[in-house]
């Protein structure tokens, strides 16, 4: 499932630029599979780890969210480990916050 990372230069503030990783869905799936079962992990930490792994300064949050929605529909990885059921974004997942709570409770 190794993909070639896509890194684009993006503006950061007025004068600076940063290297932004645009992760593939496979990269996100691999990261999700590495999260501990039954525990809600921090999505920002996952994105940071992906960026560091691929030599970027940051990882695109919008792309990761789009992949998470698709992953939740397919059921290809444990998305519930990084989506807080109490946050509005959880409503975009297949099954919504209730499914996330069920999955976390079932693992832990």
C-alpha atoms as a PDB file:
ATOM      1  CA  UNK A   1       0.000   0.000   0.000  1.00  0.00           C
ATOM      2  CA  UNK A   2       2.961   2.333  -0.334  1.00  0.00           C
ATOM      3  CA  UNK A   3       2.131   5.352  -2.441  1.00  0.00           C
ATOM      4  CA  UNK A   4       4.423   7.994  -3.792  1.00  0.00           C
ATOM      5  CA  UNK A   5       3.831  11.040  -1.580  1.00  0.00           C
ATOM      6  CA  UNK A   6       2.517  14.204  -3.198  1.00  0.00           C
ATOM      7  CA  UNK A   7       4.016  17.288  -1.591  1.00  0.00           C
ATOM      8  CA  UNK A   8       3.034  20.772  -2.690  1.00  0.00           C
ATOM      9  CA  UNK A   9       4.363  24.117  -1.608  1.00  0.00           C
ATOM     10  CA  UNK A  10       1.653  26.163   0.130  1.00  0.00           C
ATOM     11  CA  UNK A  11       1.623  29.630   1.603  1.00  0.00           C
ATOM     12  CA  UNK A  12       1.912  29.894   5.337  1.00  0.00           C
ATOM     13  CA  UNK A  13       1.237  33.418   6.465  1.00  0.00           C
ATOM     14  CA  UNK A  14       2.284  36.373   4.380  1.00  0.00           C
ATOM     15  CA  UNK A  15       5.875  35.560   3.549  1.00  0.00           C
ATOM     16  CA  UNK A  16       6.504  31.919   4.377  1.00  0.00           C
ATOM     17  CA  UNK A  17       5.798  28.681   2.591  1.00  0.00           C
ATOM     18  CA  UNK A  18       5.440  25.134   3.830  1.00  0.00           C
ATOM     19  CA  UNK A  19       5.655  21.690   2.285  1.00  0.00           C
ATOM     20  CA  UNK A  20       2.114  20.238   2.440  1.00  0.00           C
ATOM     21  CA  UNK A  21       1.578  16.492   2.101  1.00  0.00           C
ATOM     22  CA  UNK A  22      -1.520  15.591   0.098  1.00  0.00           C
ATOM     23  CA  UNK A  23      -1.969  12.022   1.378  1.00  0.00           C
ATOM     24  CA  UNK A  24      -3.520   9.208  -0.591  1.00  0.00           C
ATOM     25  CA  UNK A  25      -6.348   7.209   0.935  1.00  0.00           C
ATOM     26  CA  UNK A  26      -3.970   4.267   1.321  1.00  0.00           C
ATOM     27  CA  UNK A  27      -1.646   6.390   3.463  1.00  0.00           C
ATOM     28  CA  UNK A  28      -4.550   7.346   5.733  1.00  0.00           C
ATOM     29  CA  UNK A  29      -5.748   3.721   5.930  1.00  0.00           C
ATOM     30  CA  UNK A  30      -2.259   2.576   6.965  1.00  0.00           C
ATOM     31  CA  UNK A  31      -2.102   5.278   9.645  1.00  0.00           C
ATOM     32  CA  UNK A  32      -5.543   4.306  10.989  1.00  0.00           C
ATOM     33  CA  UNK A  33      -4.581   0.657  11.231  1.00  0.00           C
ATOM     34  CA  UNK A  34      -1.643   1.671  13.423  1.00  0.00           C
ATOM     35  CA  UNK A  35      -3.824   3.398  16.031  1.00  0.00           C
ATOM     36  CA  UNK A  36      -4.557   1.608  19.325  1.00  0.00           C
ATOM     37  CA  UNK A  37      -7.875  -0.253  19.544  1.00  0.00           C
ATOM     38  CA  UNK A  38     -10.569   1.006  21.898  1.00  0.00           C
ATOM     39  CA  UNK A  39      -8.966   4.415  22.324  1.00  0.00           C
ATOM     40  CA  UNK A  40      -9.720   7.729  20.653  1.00  0.00           C
ATOM     41  CA  UNK A  41      -6.476   8.953  19.065  1.00  0.00           C
ATOM     42  CA  UNK A  42      -5.740  12.547  18.120  1.00  0.00           C
ATOM     43  CA  UNK A  43      -6.249  13.139  14.410  1.00  0.00           C
ATOM     44  CA  UNK A  44      -3.812  16.074  14.461  1.00  0.00           C
ATOM     45  CA  UNK A  45      -1.079  13.739  15.736  1.00  0.00           C
ATOM     46  CA  UNK A  46      -1.851  11.270  12.931  1.00  0.00           C
ATOM     47  CA  UNK A  47      -1.569  14.057  10.340  1.00  0.00           C
ATOM     48  CA  UNK A  48       1.679  15.281  11.893  1.00  0.00           C
ATOM     49  CA  UNK A  49       3.139  11.762  11.849  1.00  0.00           C
ATOM     50  CA  UNK A  50       2.193  11.359   8.171  1.00  0.00           C
ATOM     51  CA  UNK A  51       3.843  14.689   7.321  1.00  0.00           C
ATOM     52  CA  UNK A  52       7.053  13.791   9.159  1.00  0.00           C
ATOM     53  CA  UNK A  53       7.163  10.320   7.631  1.00  0.00           C
ATOM     54  CA  UNK A  54       6.990  11.767   4.117  1.00  0.00           C
ATOM     55  CA  UNK A  55       9.268  14.780   4.644  1.00  0.00           C
ATOM     56  CA  UNK A  56       6.614  17.494   4.715  1.00  0.00           C
ATOM     57  CA  UNK A  57       5.901  20.319   7.149  1.00  0.00           C
ATOM     58  CA  UNK A  58       2.164  19.582   7.352  1.00  0.00           C
ATOM     59  CA  UNK A  59      -0.512  17.188   6.104  1.00  0.00           C
ATOM     60  CA  UNK A  60      -3.617  18.533   4.373  1.00  0.00           C
ATOM     61  CA  UNK A  61      -6.516  18.349   6.850  1.00  0.00           C
ATOM     62  CA  UNK A  62      -9.204  18.703   4.174  1.00  0.00           C
ATOM     63  CA  UNK A  63      -7.868  15.760   2.172  1.00  0.00           C
ATOM     64  CA  UNK A  64      -7.644  13.621   5.321  1.00  0.00           C
ATOM     65  CA  UNK A  65     -11.257  14.461   6.212  1.00  0.00           C
ATOM     66  CA  UNK A  66     -12.456  13.548   2.709  1.00  0.00           C
ATOM     67  CA  UNK A  67     -10.624  10.240   2.945  1.00  0.00           C
ATOM     68  CA  UNK A  68     -12.111   9.566   6.392  1.00  0.00           C
ATOM     69  CA  UNK A  69     -15.650  10.048   5.067  1.00  0.00           C
ATOM     70  CA  UNK A  70     -14.955   7.622   2.219  1.00  0.00           C
ATOM     71  CA  UNK A  71     -13.241   5.134   4.550  1.00  0.00           C
ATOM     72  CA  UNK A  72     -16.263   5.228   6.875  1.00  0.00           C
ATOM     73  CA  UNK A  73     -18.544   4.388   3.946  1.00  0.00           C
ATOM     74  CA  UNK A  74     -16.342   1.512   2.784  1.00  0.00           C
ATOM     75  CA  UNK A  75     -15.404   0.227   6.227  1.00  0.00           C
ATOM     76  CA  UNK A  76     -11.824  -0.304   5.059  1.00  0.00           C
ATOM     77  CA  UNK A  77     -10.124   0.938   8.259  1.00  0.00           C
ATOM     78  CA  UNK A  78     -10.956   1.814  11.874  1.00  0.00           C
ATOM     79  CA  UNK A  79     -11.863   5.489  11.306  1.00  0.00           C
ATOM     80  CA  UNK A  80     -13.722   5.582  14.635  1.00  0.00           C
ATOM     81  CA  UNK A  81     -10.391   5.622  16.462  1.00  0.00           C
ATOM     82  CA  UNK A  82      -9.653   9.191  15.306  1.00  0.00           C
ATOM     83  CA  UNK A  83     -13.086  10.823  14.940  1.00  0.00           C
ATOM     84  CA  UNK A  84     -14.430  12.329  18.161  1.00  0.00           C
ATOM     85  CA  UNK A  85     -18.148  11.453  18.331  1.00  0.00           C
ATOM     86  CA  UNK A  86     -18.851  14.704  20.189  1.00  0.00           C
ATOM     87  CA  UNK A  87     -17.531  16.892  17.358  1.00  0.00           C
ATOM     88  CA  UNK A  88     -19.674  18.056  14.399  1.00  0.00           C
ATOM     89  CA  UNK A  89     -17.428  16.225  11.897  1.00  0.00           C
ATOM     90  CA  UNK A  90     -18.666  12.878  13.317  1.00  0.00           C
ATOM     91  CA  UNK A  91     -22.067  13.479  11.694  1.00  0.00           C
ATOM     92  CA  UNK A  92     -20.411  13.171   8.265  1.00  0.00           C
ATOM     93  CA  UNK A  93     -19.266   9.614   8.984  1.00  0.00           C
ATOM     94  CA  UNK A  94     -21.412   6.667   7.869  1.00  0.00           C
ATOM     95  CA  UNK A  95     -23.559   5.808  10.889  1.00  0.00           C
ATOM     96  CA  UNK A  96     -22.727   9.075  12.616  1.00  0.00           C
ATOM     97  CA  UNK A  97     -21.646   9.557  16.237  1.00  0.00           C
ATOM     98  CA  UNK A  98     -23.625   6.548  17.484  1.00  0.00           C
ATOM     99  CA  UNK A  99     -21.710   4.144  15.256  1.00  0.00           C
ATOM    100  CA  UNK A 100     -18.395   5.639  16.399  1.00  0.00           C
ATOM    101  CA  UNK A 101     -19.358   5.180  20.066  1.00  0.00           C
ATOM    102  CA  UNK A 102     -20.458   1.579  19.403  1.00  0.00           C
ATOM    103  CA  UNK A 103     -17.239   0.699  17.614  1.00  0.00           C
ATOM    104  CA  UNK A 104     -15.036   2.231  20.323  1.00  0.00           C
ATOM    105  CA  UNK A 105     -17.025   0.481  23.075  1.00  0.00           C
ATOM    106  CA  UNK A 106     -16.810  -2.815  21.181  1.00  0.00           C
ATOM    107  CA  UNK A 107     -13.024  -2.606  21.054  1.00  0.00           C
ATOM    108  CA  UNK A 108     -12.398  -1.530  24.564  1.00  0.00           C
END
